[in-house]
PDB file of N, CA and C in Angstrom:
ATOM      1  N   MET A   1      85.160  45.557  77.244  1.00  0.00           N
ATOM      2  CA  MET A   1      85.567  44.437  78.141  1.00  0.00           C
ATOM      3  C   MET A   1      84.784  44.659  79.460  1.00  0.00           C
ATOM      4  N   MET A   2      84.250  43.555  80.077  1.00  0.00           N
ATOM      5  CA  MET A   2      83.364  43.790  81.333  1.00  0.00           C
ATOM      6  C   MET A   2      84.471  43.542  82.526  1.00  0.00           C
ATOM      7  N   GLN A   3      84.304  44.421  83.461  1.00  0.00           N
ATOM      8  CA  GLN A   3      85.330  44.373  84.605  1.00  0.00           C
ATOM      9  C   GLN A   3      84.489  43.558  85.684  1.00  0.00           C
ATOM     10  N   ARG A   4      85.230  42.724  86.351  1.00  0.00           N
ATOM     11  CA  ARG A   4      84.543  41.833  87.216  1.00  0.00           C
ATOM     12  C   ARG A   4      84.489  42.579  88.583  1.00  0.00           C
ATOM     13  N   ARG A   5      83.273  42.532  89.246  1.00  0.00           N
ATOM     14  CA  ARG A   5      83.199  43.281  90.447  1.00  0.00           C
ATOM     15  C   ARG A   5      82.938  42.101  91.570  1.00  0.00           C
ATOM     16  N   TYR A   6      83.488  42.584  92.708  1.00  0.00           N
ATOM     17  CA  TYR A   6      83.505  41.728  93.899  1.00  0.00           C
ATOM     18  C   TYR A   6      83.054  42.601  95.199  1.00  0.00           C
ATOM     19  N   ARG A   7      82.604  41.625  96.218  1.00  0.00           N
ATOM     20  CA  ARG A   7      82.381  42.396  97.532  1.00  0.00           C
ATOM     21  C   ARG A   7      82.826  41.545  98.476  1.00  0.00           C
ATOM     22  N   SER A   8      82.935  42.047  99.730  1.00  0.00           N
ATOM     23  CA  SER A   8      83.592  41.390 100.873  1.00  0.00           C
ATOM     24  C   SER A   8      82.545  41.069 101.951  1.00  0.00           C
ATOM     25  N   ILE A   9      82.936  40.479 103.036  1.00  0.00           N
ATOM     26  CA  ILE A   9      82.067  40.151 104.148  1.00  0.00           C
ATOM     27  C   ILE A   9      81.639  41.458 104.690  1.00  0.00           C
ATOM     28  N   LEU A  10      82.424  42.585 104.624  1.00  0.00           N
ATOM     29  CA  LEU A  10      82.138  43.876 105.114  1.00  0.00           C
ATOM     30  C   LEU A  10      80.750  44.172 104.526  1.00  0.00           C
ATOM     31  N   ASP A  11      80.567  43.915 103.201  1.00  0.00           N
ATOM     32  CA  ASP A  11      79.430  44.354 102.441  1.00  0.00           C
ATOM     33  C   ASP A  11      78.160  43.626 102.759  1.00  0.00           C
ATOM     34  N   LEU A  12      78.297  42.443 103.433  1.00  0.00           N
ATOM     35  CA  LEU A  12      76.932  41.700 103.719  1.00  0.00           C
ATOM     36  C   LEU A  12      76.088  42.218 104.805  1.00  0.00           C
ATOM     37  N   LYS A  13      74.982  41.998 104.857  1.00  0.00           N
ATOM     38  CA  LYS A  13      73.949  42.367 105.893  1.00  0.00           C
ATOM     39  C   LYS A  13      73.999  41.046 106.698  1.00  0.00           C
ATOM     40  N   ILE A  14      73.566  41.275 108.019  1.00  0.00           N
ATOM     41  CA  ILE A  14      73.543  40.229 109.060  1.00  0.00           C
ATOM     42  C   ILE A  14      72.556  39.109 108.468  1.00  0.00           C
ATOM     43  N   LYS A  15      72.966  37.864 108.515  1.00  0.00           N
ATOM     44  CA  LYS A  15      72.210  36.596 107.991  1.00  0.00           C
ATOM     45  C   LYS A  15      72.241  36.493 106.575  1.00  0.00           C
ATOM     46  N   GLU A  16      73.026  37.283 105.728  1.00  0.00           N
ATOM     47  CA  GLU A  16      73.176  37.245 104.295  1.00  0.00           C
ATOM     48  C   GLU A  16      74.302  36.309 103.955  1.00  0.00           C
ATOM     49  N   SER A  17      74.235  35.596 102.992  1.00  0.00           N
ATOM     50  CA  SER A  17      75.351  34.529 102.500  1.00  0.00           C
ATOM     51  C   SER A  17      75.631  34.976 101.097  1.00  0.00           C
ATOM     52  N   ALA A  18      76.904  34.567 100.788  1.00  0.00           N
ATOM     53  CA  ALA A  18      77.493  34.745  99.436  1.00  0.00           C
ATOM     54  C   ALA A  18      78.563  33.821  99.282  1.00  0.00           C
ATOM     55  N   LYS A  19      78.770  33.502  98.057  1.00  0.00           N
ATOM     56  CA  LYS A  19      79.880  32.397  97.578  1.00  0.00           C
ATOM     57  C   LYS A  19      81.222  32.950  97.617  1.00  0.00           C
ATOM     58  N   ALA A  20      82.191  32.370  98.313  1.00  0.00           N
ATOM     59  CA  ALA A  20      83.564  32.922  98.281  1.00  0.00           C
ATOM     60  C   ALA A  20      84.091  32.601  96.922  1.00  0.00           C
ATOM     61  N   LEU A  21      84.813  33.554  96.275  1.00  0.00           N
ATOM     62  CA  LEU A  21      85.563  33.379  95.022  1.00  0.00           C
ATOM     63  C   LEU A  21      87.056  33.290  95.204  1.00  0.00           C
ATOM     64  N   ALA A  22      87.643  34.048  96.117  1.00  0.00           N
ATOM     65  CA  ALA A  22      89.102  34.191  96.329  1.00  0.00           C
ATOM     66  C   ALA A  22      89.457  34.869  97.510  1.00  0.00           C
ATOM     67  N   ILE A  23      90.642  34.868  97.845  1.00  0.00           N
ATOM     68  CA  ILE A  23      91.220  35.573  99.049  1.00  0.00           C
ATOM     69  C   ILE A  23      92.381  36.533  98.532  1.00  0.00           C
ATOM     70  N   SER A  24      92.056  37.762  98.612  1.00  0.00           N
ATOM     71  CA  SER A  24      92.880  38.862  98.076  1.00  0.00           C
ATOM     72  C   SER A  24      94.235  38.920  98.763  1.00  0.00           C
ATOM     73  N   ASP A  25      94.435  38.567 100.059  1.00  0.00           N
ATOM     74  CA  ASP A  25      95.660  38.789 100.782  1.00  0.00           C
ATOM     75  C   ASP A  25      96.456  37.425 100.844  1.00  0.00           C
ATOM     76  N   SER A  26      97.559  37.273 100.221  1.00  0.00           N
ATOM     77  CA  SER A  26      98.173  35.947 100.088  1.00  0.00           C
ATOM     78  C   SER A  26      98.691  35.539 101.463  1.00  0.00           C
ATOM     79  N   GLU A  27      99.026  36.447 102.255  1.00  0.00           N
ATOM     80  CA  GLU A  27      99.416  36.122 103.624  1.00  0.00           C
ATOM     81  C   GLU A  27      98.389  35.529 104.483  1.00  0.00           C
ATOM     82  N   LEU A  28      97.033  35.944 104.251  1.00  0.00           N
ATOM     83  CA  LEU A  28      96.030  35.422 105.048  1.00  0.00           C
ATOM     84  C   LEU A  28      95.337  34.206 104.367  1.00  0.00           C
ATOM     85  N   ALA A  29      95.845  33.857 103.060  1.00  0.00           N
ATOM     86  CA  ALA A  29      95.137  32.795 102.407  1.00  0.00           C
ATOM     87  C   ALA A  29      95.312  31.443 103.131  1.00  0.00           C
ATOM     88  N   CYS A  30      96.534  31.178 103.715  1.00  0.00           N
ATOM     89  CA  CYS A  30      96.688  29.918 104.246  1.00  0.00           C
ATOM     90  C   CYS A  30      95.694  29.688 105.711  1.00  0.00           C
ATOM     91  N   LYS A  31      95.733  30.756 106.306  1.00  0.00           N
ATOM     92  CA  LYS A  31      94.980  30.702 107.590  1.00  0.00           C
ATOM     93  C   LYS A  31      93.517  30.626 107.198  1.00  0.00           C
ATOM     94  N   LEU A  32      93.017  31.381 106.130  1.00  0.00           N
ATOM     95  CA  LEU A  32      91.622  31.332 106.089  1.00  0.00           C
ATOM     96  C   LEU A  32      91.137  29.918 105.315  1.00  0.00           C
ATOM     97  N   THR A  33      91.928  29.518 104.453  1.00  0.00           N
ATOM     98  CA  THR A  33      91.612  28.208 103.778  1.00  0.00           C
ATOM     99  C   THR A  33      91.738  27.013 104.908  1.00  0.00           C
ATOM    100  N   ALA A  34      92.632  27.096 105.893  1.00  0.00           N
ATOM    101  CA  ALA A  34      92.617  26.169 106.965  1.00  0.00           C
ATOM    102  C   ALA A  34      91.353  26.237 107.760  1.00  0.00           C
ATOM    103  N   MET A  35      90.661  27.315 107.730  1.00  0.00           N
ATOM    104  CA  MET A  35      89.448  27.630 108.438  1.00  0.00           C
ATOM    105  C   MET A  35      88.255  27.088 107.589  1.00  0.00           C
ATOM    106  N   GLY A  36      88.530  26.746 106.442  1.00  0.00           N
ATOM    107  CA  GLY A  36      87.337  26.262 105.545  1.00  0.00           C
ATOM    108  C   GLY A  36      86.916  27.335 104.488  1.00  0.00           C
ATOM    109  N   VAL A  37      87.432  28.542 104.391  1.00  0.00           N
ATOM    110  CA  VAL A  37      87.048  29.473 103.458  1.00  0.00           C
ATOM    111  C   VAL A  37      87.748  29.157 102.170  1.00  0.00           C
ATOM    112  N   LEU A  38      87.041  28.522 101.262  1.00  0.00           N
ATOM    113  CA  LEU A  38      87.599  27.983 100.047  1.00  0.00           C
ATOM    114  C   LEU A  38      86.802  28.496  98.890  1.00  0.00           C
ATOM    115  N   PRO A  39      87.289  28.649  97.729  1.00  0.00           N
ATOM    116  CA  PRO A  39      86.456  29.062  96.600  1.00  0.00           C
ATOM    117  C   PRO A  39      85.247  28.246  96.376  1.00  0.00           C
ATOM    118  N   GLY A  40      84.108  28.767  96.247  1.00  0.00           N
ATOM    119  CA  GLY A  40      82.758  27.981  96.139  1.00  0.00           C
ATOM    120  C   GLY A  40      82.105  27.882  97.286  1.00  0.00           C
ATOM    121  N   THR A  41      82.737  28.092  98.510  1.00  0.00           N
ATOM    122  CA  THR A  41      82.074  27.930  99.872  1.00  0.00           C
ATOM    123  C   THR A  41      81.182  28.915 100.090  1.00  0.00           C
ATOM    124  N   MET A  42      80.076  28.628 100.676  1.00  0.00           N
ATOM    125  CA  MET A  42      79.068  29.622 101.182  1.00  0.00           C
ATOM    126  C   MET A  42      79.623  30.390 102.505  1.00  0.00           C
ATOM    127  N   VAL A  43      79.487  31.636 102.571  1.00  0.00           N
ATOM    128  CA  VAL A  43      79.965  32.316 103.909  1.00  0.00           C
ATOM    129  C   VAL A  43      78.699  33.091 104.396  1.00  0.00           C
ATOM    130  N   GLU A  44      78.430  32.975 105.544  1.00  0.00           N
ATOM    131  CA  GLU A  44      77.101  33.794 106.065  1.00  0.00           C
ATOM    132  C   GLU A  44      77.676  34.557 107.069  1.00  0.00           C
ATOM    133  N   LEU A  45      77.247  35.911 107.083  1.00  0.00           N
ATOM    134  CA  LEU A  45      77.553  36.883 108.151  1.00  0.00           C
ATOM    135  C   LEU A  45      76.734  36.687 109.375  1.00  0.00           C
ATOM    136  N   VAL A  46      77.097  36.259 110.456  1.00  0.00           N
ATOM    137  CA  VAL A  46      76.207  35.935 111.504  1.00  0.00           C
ATOM    138  C   VAL A  46      75.940  37.131 112.325  1.00  0.00           C
ATOM    139  N   ARG A  47      77.075  38.040 112.635  1.00  0.00           N
ATOM    140  CA  ARG A  47      76.833  39.332 113.251  1.00  0.00           C
ATOM    141  C   ARG A  47      78.297  39.979 113.117  1.00  0.00           C
ATOM    142  N   HIS A  48      78.250  41.236 113.694  1.00  0.00           N
ATOM    143  CA  HIS A  48      79.529  41.929 113.763  1.00  0.00           C
ATOM    144  C   HIS A  48      79.556  42.824 114.981  1.00  0.00           C
ATOM    145  N   SER A  49      80.698  43.182 115.365  1.00  0.00           N
ATOM    146  CA  SER A  49      80.847  43.787 116.780  1.00  0.00           C
ATOM    147  C   SER A  49      80.271  45.269 116.518  1.00  0.00           C
ATOM    148  N   PRO A  50      79.947  45.880 117.506  1.00  0.00           N
ATOM    149  CA  PRO A  50      79.323  47.305 117.471  1.00  0.00           C
ATOM    150  C   PRO A  50      80.275  48.246 116.614  1.00  0.00           C
ATOM    151  N   PHE A  51      81.422  48.251 116.681  1.00  0.00           N
ATOM    152  CA  PHE A  51      82.384  49.152 115.999  1.00  0.00           C
ATOM    153  C   PHE A  51      82.999  48.702 114.689  1.00  0.00           C
ATOM    154  N   GLY A  52      82.507  47.284 114.380  1.00  0.00           N
ATOM    155  CA  GLY A  52      83.032  46.773 113.149  1.00  0.00           C
ATOM    156  C   GLY A  52      84.506  46.248 113.164  1.00  0.00           C
ATOM    157  N   SER A  53      84.989  46.037 114.236  1.00  0.00           N
ATOM    158  CA  SER A  53      86.434  45.376 114.382  1.00  0.00           C
ATOM    159  C   SER A  53      86.402  43.890 114.250  1.00  0.00           C
ATOM    160  N   ALA A  54      85.209  43.277 114.515  1.00  0.00           N
ATOM    161  CA  ALA A  54      85.194  41.860 114.342  1.00  0.00           C
ATOM    162  C   ALA A  54      83.879  41.310 113.594  1.00  0.00           C
ATOM    163  N   TYR A  55      83.877  40.347 112.857  1.00  0.00           N
ATOM    164  CA  TYR A  55      82.882  39.826 111.983  1.00  0.00           C
ATOM    165  C   TYR A  55      82.720  38.302 112.374  1.00  0.00           C
ATOM    166  N   TYR A  56      81.579  38.064 112.853  1.00  0.00           N
ATOM    167  CA  TYR A  56      81.191  36.564 113.152  1.00  0.00           C
ATOM    168  C   TYR A  56      80.732  35.916 111.883  1.00  0.00           C
ATOM    169  N   VAL A  57      81.259  34.908 111.338  1.00  0.00           N
ATOM    170  CA  VAL A  57      80.764  34.302 110.180  1.00  0.00           C
ATOM    171  C   VAL A  57      80.544  32.835 110.377  1.00  0.00           C
ATOM    172  N   LYS A  58      79.688  32.207 109.464  1.00  0.00           N
ATOM    173  CA  LYS A  58      79.527  30.694 109.529  1.00  0.00           C
ATOM    174  C   LYS A  58      79.908  30.221 108.074  1.00  0.00           C
ATOM    175  N   VAL A  59      80.702  29.151 108.273  1.00  0.00           N
ATOM    176  CA  VAL A  59      81.134  28.473 106.907  1.00  0.00           C
ATOM    177  C   VAL A  59      81.022  27.104 107.126  1.00  0.00           C
ATOM    178  N   ASP A  60      80.279  26.299 106.373  1.00  0.00           N
ATOM    179  CA  ASP A  60      79.970  24.903 106.492  1.00  0.00           C
ATOM    180  C   ASP A  60      79.606  24.502 107.876  1.00  0.00           C
ATOM    181  N   GLY A  61      78.778  25.289 108.429  1.00  0.00           N
ATOM    182  CA  GLY A  61      78.220  25.022 109.721  1.00  0.00           C
ATOM    183  C   GLY A  61      79.058  25.511 110.985  1.00  0.00           C
ATOM    184  N   ILE A  62      80.292  25.910 110.729  1.00  0.00           N
ATOM    185  CA  ILE A  62      81.205  26.222 111.772  1.00  0.00           C
ATOM    186  C   ILE A  62      81.248  27.853 111.839  1.00  0.00           C
ATOM    187  N   ARG A  63      80.947  28.273 113.101  1.00  0.00           N
ATOM    188  CA  ARG A  63      81.112  29.654 113.301  1.00  0.00           C
ATOM    189  C   ARG A  63      82.453  30.168 113.922  1.00  0.00           C
ATOM    190  N   PHE A  64      82.996  31.288 113.465  1.00  0.00           N
ATOM    191  CA  PHE A  64      84.236  31.831 113.934  1.00  0.00           C
ATOM    192  C   PHE A  64      84.285  33.286 113.726  1.00  0.00           C
ATOM    193  N   ALA A  65      85.164  33.879 114.417  1.00  0.00           N
ATOM    194  CA  ALA A  65      85.458  35.442 114.239  1.00  0.00           C
ATOM    195  C   ALA A  65      86.557  35.717 113.381  1.00  0.00           C
ATOM    196  N   LEU A  66      86.439  36.849 112.629  1.00  0.00           N
ATOM    197  CA  LEU A  66      87.431  37.401 111.809  1.00  0.00           C
ATOM    198  C   LEU A  66      87.671  38.820 112.153  1.00  0.00           C
ATOM    199  N   ARG A  67      88.901  39.288 112.098  1.00  0.00           N
ATOM    200  CA  ARG A  67      89.098  40.726 112.173  1.00  0.00           C
ATOM    201  C   ARG A  67      88.659  41.364 111.007  1.00  0.00           C
ATOM    202  N   ALA A  68      88.457  42.658 110.933  1.00  0.00           N
ATOM    203  CA  ALA A  68      87.879  43.363 109.843  1.00  0.00           C
ATOM    204  C   ALA A  68      88.894  43.124 108.500  1.00  0.00           C
ATOM    205  N   GLU A  69      90.177  43.288 108.756  1.00  0.00           N
ATOM    206  CA  GLU A  69      90.956  43.157 107.515  1.00  0.00           C
ATOM    207  C   GLU A  69      91.107  41.812 107.023  1.00  0.00           C
ATOM    208  N   GLU A  70      90.795  40.648 107.839  1.00  0.00           N
ATOM    209  CA  GLU A  70      90.707  39.333 107.271  1.00  0.00           C
ATOM    210  C   GLU A  70      89.413  39.173 106.469  1.00  0.00           C
ATOM    211  N   ALA A  71      88.308  39.691 107.118  1.00  0.00           N
ATOM    212  CA  ALA A  71      86.937  39.682 106.422  1.00  0.00           C
ATOM    213  C   ALA A  71      86.945  40.357 105.029  1.00  0.00           C
ATOM    214  N   ALA A  72      87.651  41.598 105.123  1.00  0.00           N
ATOM    215  CA  ALA A  72      87.750  42.276 103.823  1.00  0.00           C
ATOM    216  C   ALA A  72      88.517  41.496 102.610  1.00  0.00           C
ATOM    217  N   SER A  73      89.352  40.643 103.123  1.00  0.00           N
ATOM    218  CA  SER A  73      90.276  40.012 102.106  1.00  0.00           C
ATOM    219  C   SER A  73      89.403  38.860 101.364  1.00  0.00           C
ATOM    220  N   ILE A  74      88.486  38.507 101.841  1.00  0.00           N
ATOM    221  CA  ILE A  74      87.605  37.397 101.240  1.00  0.00           C
ATOM    222  C   ILE A  74      86.700  37.971 100.154  1.00  0.00           C
ATOM    223  N   LEU A  75      87.005  37.711  98.928  1.00  0.00           N
ATOM    224  CA  LEU A  75      86.245  38.210  97.848  1.00  0.00           C
ATOM    225  C   LEU A  75      85.003  37.318  97.612  1.00  0.00           C
ATOM    226  N   LEU A  76      83.926  37.998  97.565  1.00  0.00           N
ATOM    227  CA  LEU A  76      82.553  37.269  97.304  1.00  0.00           C
ATOM    228  C   LEU A  76      82.032  37.549  95.958  1.00  0.00           C
ATOM    229  N   GLU A  77      81.122  36.593  95.552  1.00  0.00           N
ATOM    230  CA  GLU A  77      80.506  36.927  94.425  1.00  0.00           C
ATOM    231  C   GLU A  77      79.363  37.858  94.538  1.00  0.00           C
ATOM    232  N   VAL A  78      79.173  38.725  93.577  1.00  0.00           N
ATOM    233  CA  VAL A  78      78.296  39.829  93.509  1.00  0.00           C
ATOM    234  C   VAL A  78      76.882  39.413  93.291  1.00  0.00           C
TER     235      VAL A  78
END
């Protein structure tokens, strides 16, 4: 049986995009879906803070910041 592998925004390089598959944290799911992070949506890492505490992303042309734990909960296609 093949095990499905995922990555998160923390794994992306700056200006790299990937398709969102799911949100692993059910408590954050409502907030992130309201921000436009839906399954099938392309998420681009614009930049991150020097110490990795904030990740600036672009979803459907809109840029916003996520805390590291929020960014880590977005499962992306490998």
